[in-house]
Amino acid sequence: MIVAVGDRDRGYSARADAVHDLSDVGAGTFEGIEAIRNGALECGAGAHHITNIVISGQEDDVVTAQSKGLLLMANGSVTSVTHLDTLPREEGGWRISRRVILAQRRPLGDLHLTYPGRH
């Protein structure tokens, strides 16, 4: 089942009973497609961009994926996040069963870059 969150013309592949845990970014946990869609709308999410997807750990027809993302909120703020996804294989393909979204609070794993002429 391909479902859309927010924008009904675009979607992503998730199970009907998928769970999105956004508690780390202060938005709570949403269970089921309708709750996920409503939660995204309540948060005022203007856009959600995902990149750098790494799929690993296949065991018993379940893979895990980690990716980076940007959340563009309705107020114009942008938040950098990490997605931790669990995707079991089902008839018709792989579907997200659980997504945990973690805020990026420290740049580059706590590295602090210095540039010539800047302190």
PDB file of N, CA and C in Angstrom:
ATOM      1  N   MET A   1       0.841  -1.170   0.000  1.00  0.00           N
ATOM      2  CA  MET A   1       0.000   0.000   0.000  1.00  0.00           C
ATOM      3  C   MET A   1       0.888   1.236   0.000  1.00  0.00           C
ATOM      4  N   ILE A   2       0.689   2.117  -0.938  1.00  0.00           N
ATOM      5  CA  ILE A   2       1.392   3.398  -0.971  1.00  0.00           C
ATOM      6  C   ILE A   2       0.467   4.420  -0.336  1.00  0.00           C
ATOM      7  N   VAL A   3       0.975   5.125   0.639  1.00  0.00           N
ATOM      8  CA  VAL A   3       0.150   6.119   1.326  1.00  0.00           C
ATOM      9  C   VAL A   3       0.798   7.478   1.220  1.00  0.00           C
ATOM     10  N   ALA A   4      -0.016   8.494   1.296  1.00  0.00           N
ATOM     11  CA  ALA A   4       0.495   9.859   1.256  1.00  0.00           C
ATOM     12  C   ALA A   4       0.325  10.476   2.622  1.00  0.00           C
ATOM     13  N   VAL A   5       1.307  11.222   3.035  1.00  0.00           N
ATOM     14  CA  VAL A   5       1.227  11.966   4.284  1.00  0.00           C
ATOM     15  C   VAL A   5       1.253  13.438   3.917  1.00  0.00           C
ATOM     16  N   GLY A   6       0.146  14.107   4.119  1.00  0.00           N
ATOM     17  CA  GLY A   6       0.073  15.528   3.781  1.00  0.00           C
ATOM     18  C   GLY A   6      -0.290  15.738   2.334  1.00  0.00           C
ATOM     19  N   ASP A   7       0.627  15.525   1.425  1.00  0.00           N
ATOM     20  CA  ASP A   7       0.408  15.727   0.003  1.00  0.00           C
ATOM     21  C   ASP A   7      -0.151  14.431  -0.577  1.00  0.00           C
ATOM     22  N   ARG A   8      -1.409  14.438  -0.936  1.00  0.00           N
ATOM     23  CA  ARG A   8      -2.058  13.216  -1.386  1.00  0.00           C
ATOM     24  C   ARG A   8      -1.613  12.770  -2.777  1.00  0.00           C
ATOM     25  N   ASP A   9      -0.874  13.602  -3.514  1.00  0.00           N
ATOM     26  CA  ASP A   9      -0.382  13.222  -4.822  1.00  0.00           C
ATOM     27  C   ASP A   9       0.957  12.504  -4.754  1.00  0.00           C
ATOM     28  N   ARG A  10       1.588  12.540  -3.607  1.00  0.00           N
ATOM     29  CA  ARG A  10       2.870  11.867  -3.433  1.00  0.00           C
ATOM     30  C   ARG A  10       2.756  10.994  -2.204  1.00  0.00           C
ATOM     31  N   GLY A  11       3.532   9.947  -2.160  1.00  0.00           N
ATOM     32  CA  GLY A  11       3.429   9.065  -1.012  1.00  0.00           C
ATOM     33  C   GLY A  11       4.710   8.320  -0.765  1.00  0.00           C
ATOM     34  N   TYR A  12       4.669   7.472   0.206  1.00  0.00           N
ATOM     35  CA  TYR A  12       5.784   6.590   0.475  1.00  0.00           C
ATOM     36  C   TYR A  12       5.194   5.264   0.886  1.00  0.00           C
ATOM     37  N   SER A  13       5.994   4.266   0.914  1.00  0.00           N
ATOM     38  CA  SER A  13       5.517   2.922   1.139  1.00  0.00           C
ATOM     39  C   SER A  13       5.524   2.589   2.625  1.00  0.00           C
ATOM     40  N   ALA A  14       4.344   2.406   3.200  1.00  0.00           N
ATOM     41  CA  ALA A  14       4.242   2.092   4.624  1.00  0.00           C
ATOM     42  C   ALA A  14       3.094   1.126   4.858  1.00  0.00           C
ATOM     43  N   ARG A  15       3.196   0.398   5.942  1.00  0.00           N
ATOM     44  CA  ARG A  15       2.115  -0.499   6.338  1.00  0.00           C
ATOM     45  C   ARG A  15       0.963   0.317   6.922  1.00  0.00           C
ATOM     46  N   ALA A  16      -0.226  -0.226   6.852  1.00  0.00           N
ATOM     47  CA  ALA A  16      -1.396   0.461   7.405  1.00  0.00           C
ATOM     48  C   ALA A  16      -1.254   0.670   8.908  1.00  0.00           C
ATOM     49  N   ASP A  17      -0.511  -0.224   9.585  1.00  0.00           N
ATOM     50  CA  ASP A  17      -0.336  -0.115  11.040  1.00  0.00           C
ATOM     51  C   ASP A  17       1.026   0.489  11.418  1.00  0.00           C
ATOM     52  N   ALA A  18       1.634   1.233  10.492  1.00  0.00           N
ATOM     53  CA  ALA A  18       2.950   1.828  10.736  1.00  0.00           C
ATOM     54  C   ALA A  18       2.924   2.753  11.951  1.00  0.00           C
ATOM     55  N   VAL A  19       4.092   2.873  12.597  1.00  0.00           N
ATOM     56  CA  VAL A  19       4.269   3.759  13.744  1.00  0.00           C
ATOM     57  C   VAL A  19       5.356   4.766  13.402  1.00  0.00           C
ATOM     58  N   HIS A  20       5.069   6.034  13.638  1.00  0.00           N
ATOM     59  CA  HIS A  20       6.072   7.098  13.505  1.00  0.00           C
ATOM     60  C   HIS A  20       6.305   7.687  14.879  1.00  0.00           C
ATOM     61  N   ASP A  21       7.535   7.590  15.346  1.00  0.00           N
ATOM     62  CA  ASP A  21       7.902   8.114  16.658  1.00  0.00           C
ATOM     63  C   ASP A  21       8.689   9.398  16.465  1.00  0.00           C
ATOM     64  N   LEU A  22       8.040  10.524  16.709  1.00  0.00           N
ATOM     65  CA  LEU A  22       8.663  11.839  16.600  1.00  0.00           C
ATOM     66  C   LEU A  22       8.819  12.473  17.975  1.00  0.00           C
ATOM     67  N   SER A  23       8.821  11.656  19.009  1.00  0.00           N
ATOM     68  CA  SER A  23       8.893  12.198  20.369  1.00  0.00           C
ATOM     69  C   SER A  23      10.193  12.959  20.610  1.00  0.00           C
ATOM     70  N   ASP A  24      11.279  12.574  19.932  1.00  0.00           N
ATOM     71  CA  ASP A  24      12.548  13.271  20.119  1.00  0.00           C
ATOM     72  C   ASP A  24      12.506  14.704  19.601  1.00  0.00           C
ATOM     73  N   VAL A  25      11.637  14.970  18.640  1.00  0.00           N
ATOM     74  CA  VAL A  25      11.505  16.330  18.111  1.00  0.00           C
ATOM     75  C   VAL A  25      10.273  17.027  18.684  1.00  0.00           C
ATOM     76  N   GLY A  26       9.697  16.418  19.738  1.00  0.00           N
ATOM     77  CA  GLY A  26       8.602  17.052  20.458  1.00  0.00           C
ATOM     78  C   GLY A  26       7.230  16.915  19.841  1.00  0.00           C
ATOM     79  N   ALA A  27       7.067  15.961  18.919  1.00  0.00           N
ATOM     80  CA  ALA A  27       5.777  15.840  18.230  1.00  0.00           C
ATOM     81  C   ALA A  27       4.988  14.604  18.620  1.00  0.00           C
ATOM     82  N   GLY A  28       5.526  13.730  19.468  1.00  0.00           N
ATOM     83  CA  GLY A  28       4.784  12.550  19.907  1.00  0.00           C
ATOM     84  C   GLY A  28       4.960  11.353  19.002  1.00  0.00           C
ATOM     85  N   THR A  29       4.126  10.342  19.235  1.00  0.00           N
ATOM     86  CA  THR A  29       4.148   9.101  18.465  1.00  0.00           C
ATOM     87  C   THR A  29       2.789   8.915  17.807  1.00  0.00           C
ATOM     88  N   PHE A  30       2.808   8.493  16.550  1.00  0.00           N
ATOM     89  CA  PHE A  30       1.582   8.318  15.784  1.00  0.00           C
ATOM     90  C   PHE A  30       1.505   6.882  15.287  1.00  0.00           C
ATOM     91  N   GLU A  31       0.363   6.248  15.482  1.00  0.00           N
ATOM     92  CA  GLU A  31       0.180   4.852  15.086  1.00  0.00           C
ATOM     93  C   GLU A  31      -0.930   4.763  14.059  1.00  0.00           C
ATOM     94  N   GLY A  32      -0.610   4.195  12.894  1.00  0.00           N
ATOM     95  CA  GLY A  32      -1.570   4.053  11.807  1.00  0.00           C
ATOM     96  C   GLY A  32      -1.470   5.201  10.824  1.00  0.00           C
ATOM     97  N   ILE A  33      -1.854   4.920   9.585  1.00  0.00           N
ATOM     98  CA  ILE A  33      -1.698   5.886   8.503  1.00  0.00           C
ATOM     99  C   ILE A  33      -2.466   7.172   8.761  1.00  0.00           C
ATOM    100  N   GLU A  34      -3.696   7.081   9.184  1.00  0.00           N
ATOM    101  CA  GLU A  34      -4.480   8.295   9.427  1.00  0.00           C
ATOM    102  C   GLU A  34      -3.862   9.141  10.532  1.00  0.00           C
ATOM    103  N   ALA A  35      -3.394   8.501  11.603  1.00  0.00           N
ATOM    104  CA  ALA A  35      -2.757   9.241  12.698  1.00  0.00           C
ATOM    105  C   ALA A  35      -1.458   9.898  12.223  1.00  0.00           C
ATOM    106  N   ILE A  36      -0.707   9.192  11.393  1.00  0.00           N
ATOM    107  CA  ILE A  36       0.539   9.752  10.864  1.00  0.00           C
ATOM    108  C   ILE A  36       0.234  10.956   9.981  1.00  0.00           C
ATOM    109  N   ARG A  37      -0.733  10.803   9.086  1.00  0.00           N
ATOM    110  CA  ARG A  37      -1.121  11.913   8.194  1.00  0.00           C
ATOM    111  C   ARG A  37      -1.612  13.106   9.012  1.00  0.00           C
ATOM    112  N   ASN A  38      -2.507  12.866   9.972  1.00  0.00           N
ATOM    113  CA  ASN A  38      -3.041  13.949  10.800  1.00  0.00           C
ATOM    114  C   ASN A  38      -1.945  14.599  11.637  1.00  0.00           C
ATOM    115  N   GLY A  39      -1.029  13.803  12.154  1.00  0.00           N
ATOM    116  CA  GLY A  39       0.081  14.341  12.941  1.00  0.00           C
ATOM    117  C   GLY A  39       0.961  15.264  12.112  1.00  0.00           C
ATOM    118  N   ALA A  40       1.229  14.862  10.857  1.00  0.00           N
ATOM    119  CA  ALA A  40       2.039  15.707   9.971  1.00  0.00           C
ATOM    120  C   ALA A  40       1.332  17.030   9.714  1.00  0.00           C
ATOM    121  N   LEU A  41       0.034  16.976   9.512  1.00  0.00           N
ATOM    122  CA  LEU A  41      -0.724  18.202   9.260  1.00  0.00           C
ATOM    123  C   LEU A  41      -0.782  19.082  10.507  1.00  0.00           C
ATOM    124  N   GLU A  42      -0.948  18.459  11.679  1.00  0.00           N
ATOM    125  CA  GLU A  42      -0.986  19.220  12.935  1.00  0.00           C
ATOM    126  C   GLU A  42       0.348  19.902  13.219  1.00  0.00           C
ATOM    127  N   CYS A  43       1.443  19.228  12.872  1.00  0.00           N
ATOM    128  CA  CYS A  43       2.768  19.805  13.087  1.00  0.00           C
ATOM    129  C   CYS A  43       3.046  20.937  12.110  1.00  0.00           C
ATOM    130  N   GLY A  44       2.232  21.045  11.092  1.00  0.00           N
ATOM    131  CA  GLY A  44       2.427  22.093  10.100  1.00  0.00           C
ATOM    132  C   GLY A  44       3.579  21.819   9.170  1.00  0.00           C
ATOM    133  N   ALA A  45       3.902  20.550   8.991  1.00  0.00           N
ATOM    134  CA  ALA A  45       5.033  20.208   8.129  1.00  0.00           C
ATOM    135  C   ALA A  45       4.768  20.678   6.705  1.00  0.00           C
ATOM    136  N   GLY A  46       5.632  21.563   6.208  1.00  0.00           N
ATOM    137  CA  GLY A  46       5.503  22.067   4.854  1.00  0.00           C
ATOM    138  C   GLY A  46       6.159  21.153   3.842  1.00  0.00           C
ATOM    139  N   ALA A  47       7.206  20.458   4.251  1.00  0.00           N
ATOM    140  CA  ALA A  47       7.909  19.536   3.367  1.00  0.00           C
ATOM    141  C   ALA A  47       8.801  18.640   4.210  1.00  0.00           C
ATOM    142  N   HIS A  48       9.148  17.522   3.640  1.00  0.00           N
ATOM    143  CA  HIS A  48      10.003  16.556   4.316  1.00  0.00           C
ATOM    144  C   HIS A  48      10.921  15.973   3.249  1.00  0.00           C
ATOM    145  N   HIS A  49      12.210  16.270   3.325  1.00  0.00           N
ATOM    146  CA  HIS A  49      13.177  15.835   2.327  1.00  0.00           C
ATOM    147  C   HIS A  49      14.097  14.784   2.943  1.00  0.00           C
ATOM    148  N   ILE A  50      14.291  13.674   2.234  1.00  0.00           N
ATOM    149  CA  ILE A  50      15.109  12.572   2.737  1.00  0.00           C
ATOM    150  C   ILE A  50      16.263  12.320   1.777  1.00  0.00           C
ATOM    151  N   THR A  51      17.463  12.048   2.350  1.00  0.00           N
ATOM    152  CA  THR A  51      18.648  11.792   1.547  1.00  0.00           C
ATOM    153  C   THR A  51      19.570  10.813   2.283  1.00  0.00           C
ATOM    154  N   ASN A  52      20.624  10.389   1.623  1.00  0.00           N
ATOM    155  CA  ASN A  52      21.658   9.532   2.216  1.00  0.00           C
ATOM    156  C   ASN A  52      21.069   8.284   2.862  1.00  0.00           C
ATOM    157  N   ILE A  53      20.274   7.554   2.129  1.00  0.00           N
ATOM    158  CA  ILE A  53      19.618   6.353   2.653  1.00  0.00           C
ATOM    159  C   ILE A  53      20.605   5.194   2.642  1.00  0.00           C
ATOM    160  N   VAL A  54      20.775   4.547   3.806  1.00  0.00           N
ATOM    161  CA  VAL A  54      21.636   3.377   3.944  1.00  0.00           C
ATOM    162  C   VAL A  54      20.778   2.237   4.460  1.00  0.00           C
ATOM    163  N   ILE A  55      20.694   1.162   3.676  1.00  0.00           N
ATOM    164  CA  ILE A  55      19.903  -0.007   4.053  1.00  0.00           C
ATOM    165  C   ILE A  55      20.858  -1.084   4.533  1.00  0.00           C
ATOM    166  N   SER A  56      20.530  -1.685   5.679  1.00  0.00           N
ATOM    167  CA  SER A  56      21.413  -2.704   6.239  1.00  0.00           C
ATOM    168  C   SER A  56      20.607  -3.694   7.061  1.00  0.00           C
ATOM    169  N   GLY A  57      21.289  -4.698   7.538  1.00  0.00           N
ATOM    170  CA  GLY A  57      20.753  -5.602   8.541  1.00  0.00           C
ATOM    171  C   GLY A  57      19.556  -6.427   8.147  1.00  0.00           C
ATOM    172  N   GLN A  58      19.607  -7.147   6.998  1.00  0.00           N
ATOM    173  CA  GLN A  58      18.481  -8.001   6.659  1.00  0.00           C
ATOM    174  C   GLN A  58      18.497  -9.239   7.538  1.00  0.00           C
ATOM    175  N   GLU A  59      17.389  -9.475   8.212  1.00  0.00           N
ATOM    176  CA  GLU A  59      17.236 -10.656   9.046  1.00  0.00           C
ATOM    177  C   GLU A  59      15.766 -11.039   9.043  1.00  0.00           C
ATOM    178  N   ASP A  60      15.475 -12.294   8.684  1.00  0.00           N
ATOM    179  CA  ASP A  60      14.087 -12.768   8.656  1.00  0.00           C
ATOM    180  C   ASP A  60      13.177 -11.851   7.845  1.00  0.00           C
ATOM    181  N   ASP A  61      13.625 -11.465   6.651  1.00  0.00           N
ATOM    182  CA  ASP A  61      12.844 -10.596   5.763  1.00  0.00           C
ATOM    183  C   ASP A  61      12.500  -9.249   6.374  1.00  0.00           C
ATOM    184  N   VAL A  62      13.403  -8.724   7.197  1.00  0.00           N
ATOM    185  CA  VAL A  62      13.268  -7.376   7.756  1.00  0.00           C
ATOM    186  C   VAL A  62      14.600  -6.674   7.557  1.00  0.00           C
ATOM    187  N   VAL A  63      14.554  -5.444   7.025  1.00  0.00           N
ATOM    188  CA  VAL A  63      15.762  -4.641   6.906  1.00  0.00           C
ATOM    189  C   VAL A  63      15.601  -3.378   7.741  1.00  0.00           C
ATOM    190  N   THR A  64      16.734  -2.796   8.070  1.00  0.00           N
ATOM    191  CA  THR A  64      16.719  -1.499   8.737  1.00  0.00           C
ATOM    192  C   THR A  64      17.342  -0.493   7.773  1.00  0.00           C
ATOM    193  N   ALA A  65      16.892   0.732   7.892  1.00  0.00           N
ATOM    194  CA  ALA A  65      17.425   1.792   7.048  1.00  0.00           C
ATOM    195  C   ALA A  65      17.650   3.025   7.904  1.00  0.00           C
ATOM    196  N   GLN A  66      18.706   3.743   7.581  1.00  0.00           N
ATOM    197  CA  GLN A  66      18.988   5.015   8.241  1.00  0.00           C
ATOM    198  C   GLN A  66      19.143   6.053   7.152  1.00  0.00           C
ATOM    199  N   SER A  67      18.570   7.223   7.382  1.00  0.00           N
ATOM    200  CA  SER A  67      18.684   8.296   6.399  1.00  0.00           C
ATOM    201  C   SER A  67      18.713   9.637   7.114  1.00  0.00           C
ATOM    202  N   LYS A  68      19.108  10.635   6.386  1.00  0.00           N
ATOM    203  CA  LYS A  68      19.109  12.012   6.886  1.00  0.00           C
ATOM    204  C   LYS A  68      17.943  12.728   6.254  1.00  0.00           C
ATOM    205  N   GLY A  69      17.457  13.737   6.943  1.00  0.00           N
ATOM    206  CA  GLY A  69      16.337  14.465   6.390  1.00  0.00           C
ATOM    207  C   GLY A  69      16.287  15.897   6.856  1.00  0.00           C
ATOM    208  N   LEU A  70      15.498  16.675   6.143  1.00  0.00           N
ATOM    209  CA  LEU A  70      15.198  18.050   6.519  1.00  0.00           C
ATOM    210  C   LEU A  70      13.688  18.170   6.630  1.00  0.00           C
ATOM    211  N   LEU A  71      13.232  18.742   7.719  1.00  0.00           N
ATOM    212  CA  LEU A  71      11.810  19.021   7.897  1.00  0.00           C
ATOM    213  C   LEU A  71      11.615  20.518   7.741  1.00  0.00           C
ATOM    214  N   LEU A  72      10.819  20.900   6.775  1.00  0.00           N
ATOM    215  CA  LEU A  72      10.475  22.302   6.588  1.00  0.00           C
ATOM    216  C   LEU A  72       9.109  22.513   7.215  1.00  0.00           C
ATOM    217  N   MET A  73       9.072  23.319   8.268  1.00  0.00           N
ATOM    218  CA  MET A  73       7.831  23.533   9.000  1.00  0.00           C
ATOM    219  C   MET A  73       7.066  24.721   8.420  1.00  0.00           C
ATOM    220  N   ALA A  74       5.790  24.780   8.757  1.00  0.00           N
ATOM    221  CA  ALA A  74       4.923  25.838   8.235  1.00  0.00           C
ATOM    222  C   ALA A  74       5.425  27.227   8.599  1.00  0.00           C
ATOM    223  N   ASN A  75       6.121  27.363   9.737  1.00  0.00           N
ATOM    224  CA  ASN A  75       6.624  28.676  10.158  1.00  0.00           C
ATOM    225  C   ASN A  75       7.928  29.054   9.462  1.00  0.00           C
ATOM    226  N   GLY A  76       8.405  28.199   8.553  1.00  0.00           N
ATOM    227  CA  GLY A  76       9.617  28.492   7.810  1.00  0.00           C
ATOM    228  C   GLY A  76      10.883  27.927   8.414  1.00  0.00           C
ATOM    229  N   SER A  77      10.818  27.395   9.628  1.00  0.00           N
ATOM    230  CA  SER A  77      12.016  26.822  10.239  1.00  0.00           C
ATOM    231  C   SER A  77      12.348  25.479   9.580  1.00  0.00           C
ATOM    232  N   VAL A  78      13.631  25.140   9.623  1.00  0.00           N
ATOM    233  CA  VAL A  78      14.107  23.883   9.063  1.00  0.00           C
ATOM    234  C   VAL A  78      14.830  23.120  10.158  1.00  0.00           C
ATOM    235  N   THR A  79      14.524  21.845  10.276  1.00  0.00           N
ATOM    236  CA  THR A  79      15.156  20.994  11.276  1.00  0.00           C
ATOM    237  C   THR A  79      15.845  19.830  10.578  1.00  0.00           C
ATOM    238  N   SER A  80      17.093  19.581  10.912  1.00  0.00           N
ATOM    239  CA  SER A  80      17.821  18.432  10.398  1.00  0.00           C
ATOM    240  C   SER A  80      17.525  17.230  11.287  1.00  0.00           C
ATOM    241  N   VAL A  81      17.216  16.093  10.657  1.00  0.00           N
ATOM    242  CA  VAL A  81      16.841  14.901  11.425  1.00  0.00           C
ATOM    243  C   VAL A  81      17.509  13.653  10.854  1.00  0.00           C
ATOM    244  N   THR A  82      17.513  12.600  11.668  1.00  0.00           N
ATOM    245  CA  THR A  82      17.921  11.269  11.248  1.00  0.00           C
ATOM    246  C   THR A  82      16.703  10.365  11.350  1.00  0.00           C
ATOM    247  N   HIS A  83      16.466   9.560  10.317  1.00  0.00           N
ATOM    248  CA  HIS A  83      15.371   8.588  10.319  1.00  0.00           C
ATOM    249  C   HIS A  83      15.959   7.214  10.594  1.00  0.00           C
ATOM    250  N   LEU A  84      15.324   6.465  11.469  1.00  0.00           N
ATOM    251  CA  LEU A  84      15.675   5.070  11.709  1.00  0.00           C
ATOM    252  C   LEU A  84      14.430   4.262  11.355  1.00  0.00           C
ATOM    253  N   ASP A  85      14.493   3.512  10.259  1.00  0.00           N
ATOM    254  CA  ASP A  85      13.322   2.802   9.744  1.00  0.00           C
ATOM    255  C   ASP A  85      13.482   1.294   9.870  1.00  0.00           C
ATOM    256  N   THR A  86      12.355   0.626  10.088  1.00  0.00           N
ATOM    257  CA  THR A  86      12.262  -0.824  10.047  1.00  0.00           C
ATOM    258  C   THR A  86      11.313  -1.171   8.910  1.00  0.00           C
ATOM    259  N   LEU A  87      11.773  -2.050   7.996  1.00  0.00           N
ATOM    260  CA  LEU A  87      10.977  -2.387   6.819  1.00  0.00           C
ATOM    261  C   LEU A  87      10.887  -3.901   6.652  1.00  0.00           C
ATOM    262  N   PRO A  88       9.765  -4.508   7.004  1.00  0.00           N
ATOM    263  CA  PRO A  88       9.584  -5.926   6.708  1.00  0.00           C
ATOM    264  C   PRO A  88       9.185  -6.126   5.243  1.00  0.00           C
ATOM    265  N   ARG A  89       9.576  -7.255   4.674  1.00  0.00           N
ATOM    266  CA  ARG A  89       9.178  -7.582   3.300  1.00  0.00           C
ATOM    267  C   ARG A  89       7.760  -8.157   3.358  1.00  0.00           C
ATOM    268  N   GLU A  90       6.918  -7.638   2.484  1.00  0.00           N
ATOM    269  CA  GLU A  90       5.546  -8.127   2.386  1.00  0.00           C
ATOM    270  C   GLU A  90       5.252  -8.433   0.928  1.00  0.00           C
ATOM    271  N   GLU A  91       4.128  -9.012   0.674  1.00  0.00           N
ATOM    272  CA  GLU A  91       3.726  -9.228  -0.708  1.00  0.00           C
ATOM    273  C   GLU A  91       3.689  -7.872  -1.410  1.00  0.00           C
ATOM    274  N   GLY A  92       4.402  -7.748  -2.482  1.00  0.00           N
ATOM    275  CA  GLY A  92       4.428  -6.486  -3.205  1.00  0.00           C
ATOM    276  C   GLY A  92       5.600  -5.590  -2.847  1.00  0.00           C
ATOM    277  N   GLY A  93       6.433  -5.971  -1.881  1.00  0.00           N
ATOM    278  CA  GLY A  93       7.614  -5.162  -1.605  1.00  0.00           C
ATOM    279  C   GLY A  93       7.888  -4.930  -0.134  1.00  0.00           C
ATOM    280  N   TRP A  94       8.774  -3.985   0.119  1.00  0.00           N
ATOM    281  CA  TRP A  94       9.192  -3.620   1.466  1.00  0.00           C
ATOM    282  C   TRP A  94       8.332  -2.457   1.933  1.00  0.00           C
ATOM    283  N   ARG A  95       7.867  -2.491   3.165  1.00  0.00           N
ATOM    284  CA  ARG A  95       6.999  -1.445   3.701  1.00  0.00           C
ATOM    285  C   ARG A  95       7.522  -0.985   5.056  1.00  0.00           C
ATOM    286  N   ILE A  96       7.495   0.318   5.296  1.00  0.00           N
ATOM    287  CA  ILE A  96       7.909   0.852   6.590  1.00  0.00           C
ATOM    288  C   ILE A  96       6.896   0.427   7.643  1.00  0.00           C
ATOM    289  N   SER A  97       7.398  -0.216   8.704  1.00  0.00           N
ATOM    290  CA  SER A  97       6.520  -0.567   9.825  1.00  0.00           C
ATOM    291  C   SER A  97       6.755   0.364  11.012  1.00  0.00           C
ATOM    292  N   ARG A  98       7.959   0.892  11.090  1.00  0.00           N
ATOM    293  CA  ARG A  98       8.292   1.811  12.194  1.00  0.00           C
ATOM    294  C   ARG A  98       9.328   2.809  11.718  1.00  0.00           C
ATOM    295  N   ARG A  99       9.087   4.067  12.028  1.00  0.00           N
ATOM    296  CA  ARG A  99      10.050   5.141  11.733  1.00  0.00           C
ATOM    297  C   ARG A  99      10.254   5.948  13.007  1.00  0.00           C
ATOM    298  N   VAL A 100      11.519   6.064  13.414  1.00  0.00           N
ATOM    299  CA  VAL A 100      11.889   6.918  14.542  1.00  0.00           C
ATOM    300  C   VAL A 100      12.638   8.105  13.945  1.00  0.00           C
ATOM    301  N   ILE A 101      12.219   9.307  14.306  1.00  0.00           N
ATOM    302  CA  ILE A 101      12.857  10.520  13.800  1.00  0.00           C
ATOM    303  C   ILE A 101      13.566  11.207  14.962  1.00  0.00           C
ATOM    304  N   LEU A 102      14.876  11.378  14.796  1.00  0.00           N
ATOM    305  CA  LEU A 102      15.711  11.974  15.838  1.00  0.00           C
ATOM    306  C   LEU A 102      16.252  13.315  15.366  1.00  0.00           C
ATOM    307  N   ALA A 103      16.185  14.311  16.224  1.00  0.00           N
ATOM    308  CA  ALA A 103      16.713  15.635  15.890  1.00  0.00           C
ATOM    309  C   ALA A 103      18.233  15.599  15.849  1.00  0.00           C
ATOM    310  N   GLN A 104      18.796  16.313  14.903  1.00  0.00           N
ATOM    311  CA  GLN A 104      20.255  16.481  14.821  1.00  0.00           C
ATOM    312  C   GLN A 104      20.616  17.662  15.705  1.00  0.00           C
ATOM    313  N   ARG A 105      21.148  17.390  16.871  1.00  0.00           N
ATOM    314  CA  ARG A 105      21.429  18.464  17.827  1.00  0.00           C
ATOM    315  C   ARG A 105      22.875  18.927  17.819  1.00  0.00           C
ATOM    316  N   ARG A 106      23.776  18.093  17.300  1.00  0.00           N
ATOM    317  CA  ARG A 106      25.197  18.454  17.260  1.00  0.00           C
ATOM    318  C   ARG A 106      25.703  18.294  15.830  1.00  0.00           C
ATOM    319  N   PRO A 107      26.423  19.260  15.338  1.00  0.00           N
ATOM    320  CA  PRO A 107      26.910  19.154  13.964  1.00  0.00           C
ATOM    321  C   PRO A 107      27.982  18.094  13.813  1.00  0.00           C
ATOM    322  N   LEU A 108      27.858  17.302  12.767  1.00  0.00           N
ATOM    323  CA  LEU A 108      28.880  16.321  12.375  1.00  0.00           C
ATOM    324  C   LEU A 108      29.399  15.478  13.528  1.00  0.00           C
ATOM    325  N   GLY A 109      28.496  14.929  14.301  1.00  0.00           N
ATOM    326  CA  GLY A 109      28.911  14.055  15.389  1.00  0.00           C
ATOM    327  C   GLY A 109      29.752  14.757  16.420  1.00  0.00           C
ATOM    328  N   ASP A 110      29.471  16.024  16.664  1.00  0.00           N
ATOM    329  CA  ASP A 110      30.139  16.830  17.675  1.00  0.00           C
ATOM    330  C   ASP A 110      31.481  17.392  17.213  1.00  0.00           C
ATOM    331  N   LEU A 111      31.794  17.253  15.908  1.00  0.00           N
ATOM    332  CA  LEU A 111      33.002  17.876  15.376  1.00  0.00           C
ATOM    333  C   LEU A 111      32.752  19.361  15.205  1.00  0.00           C
ATOM    334  N   HIS A 112      33.721  20.146  15.471  1.00  0.00           N
ATOM    335  CA  HIS A 112      33.608  21.581  15.264  1.00  0.00           C
ATOM    336  C   HIS A 112      34.657  21.970  14.239  1.00  0.00           C
ATOM    337  N   LEU A 113      34.190  22.400  13.088  1.00  0.00           N
ATOM    338  CA  LEU A 113      35.102  22.781  12.007  1.00  0.00           C
ATOM    339  C   LEU A 113      35.614  24.180  12.239  1.00  0.00           C
ATOM    340  N   THR A 114      36.862  24.383  11.905  1.00  0.00           N
ATOM    341  CA  THR A 114      37.423  25.743  11.968  1.00  0.00           C
ATOM    342  C   THR A 114      37.835  26.154  10.573  1.00  0.00           C
ATOM    343  N   TYR A 115      37.663  27.390  10.286  1.00  0.00           N
ATOM    344  CA  TYR A 115      38.015  27.931   8.989  1.00  0.00           C
ATOM    345  C   TYR A 115      39.089  28.989   9.196  1.00  0.00           C
ATOM    346  N   PRO A 116      40.020  29.124   8.241  1.00  0.00           N
ATOM    347  CA  PRO A 116      41.055  30.162   8.374  1.00  0.00           C
ATOM    348  C   PRO A 116      40.415  31.535   8.584  1.00  0.00           C
ATOM    349  N   GLY A 117      40.898  32.242   9.577  1.00  0.00           N
ATOM    350  CA  GLY A 117      40.409  33.577   9.854  1.00  0.00           C
ATOM    351  C   GLY A 117      39.179  33.618  10.745  1.00  0.00           C
ATOM    352  N   ARG A 118      38.658  32.447  11.119  1.00  0.00           N
ATOM    353  CA  ARG A 118      37.483  32.387  11.992  1.00  0.00           C
ATOM    354  C   ARG A 118      37.826  31.612  13.248  1.00  0.00           C
ATOM    355  N   HIS A 119      37.192  31.983  14.333  1.00  0.00           N
ATOM    356  CA  HIS A 119      37.449  31.274  15.602  1.00  0.00           C
ATOM    357  C   HIS A 119      36.201  30.602  16.090  1.00  0.00           C
TER     358      HIS A 119
END
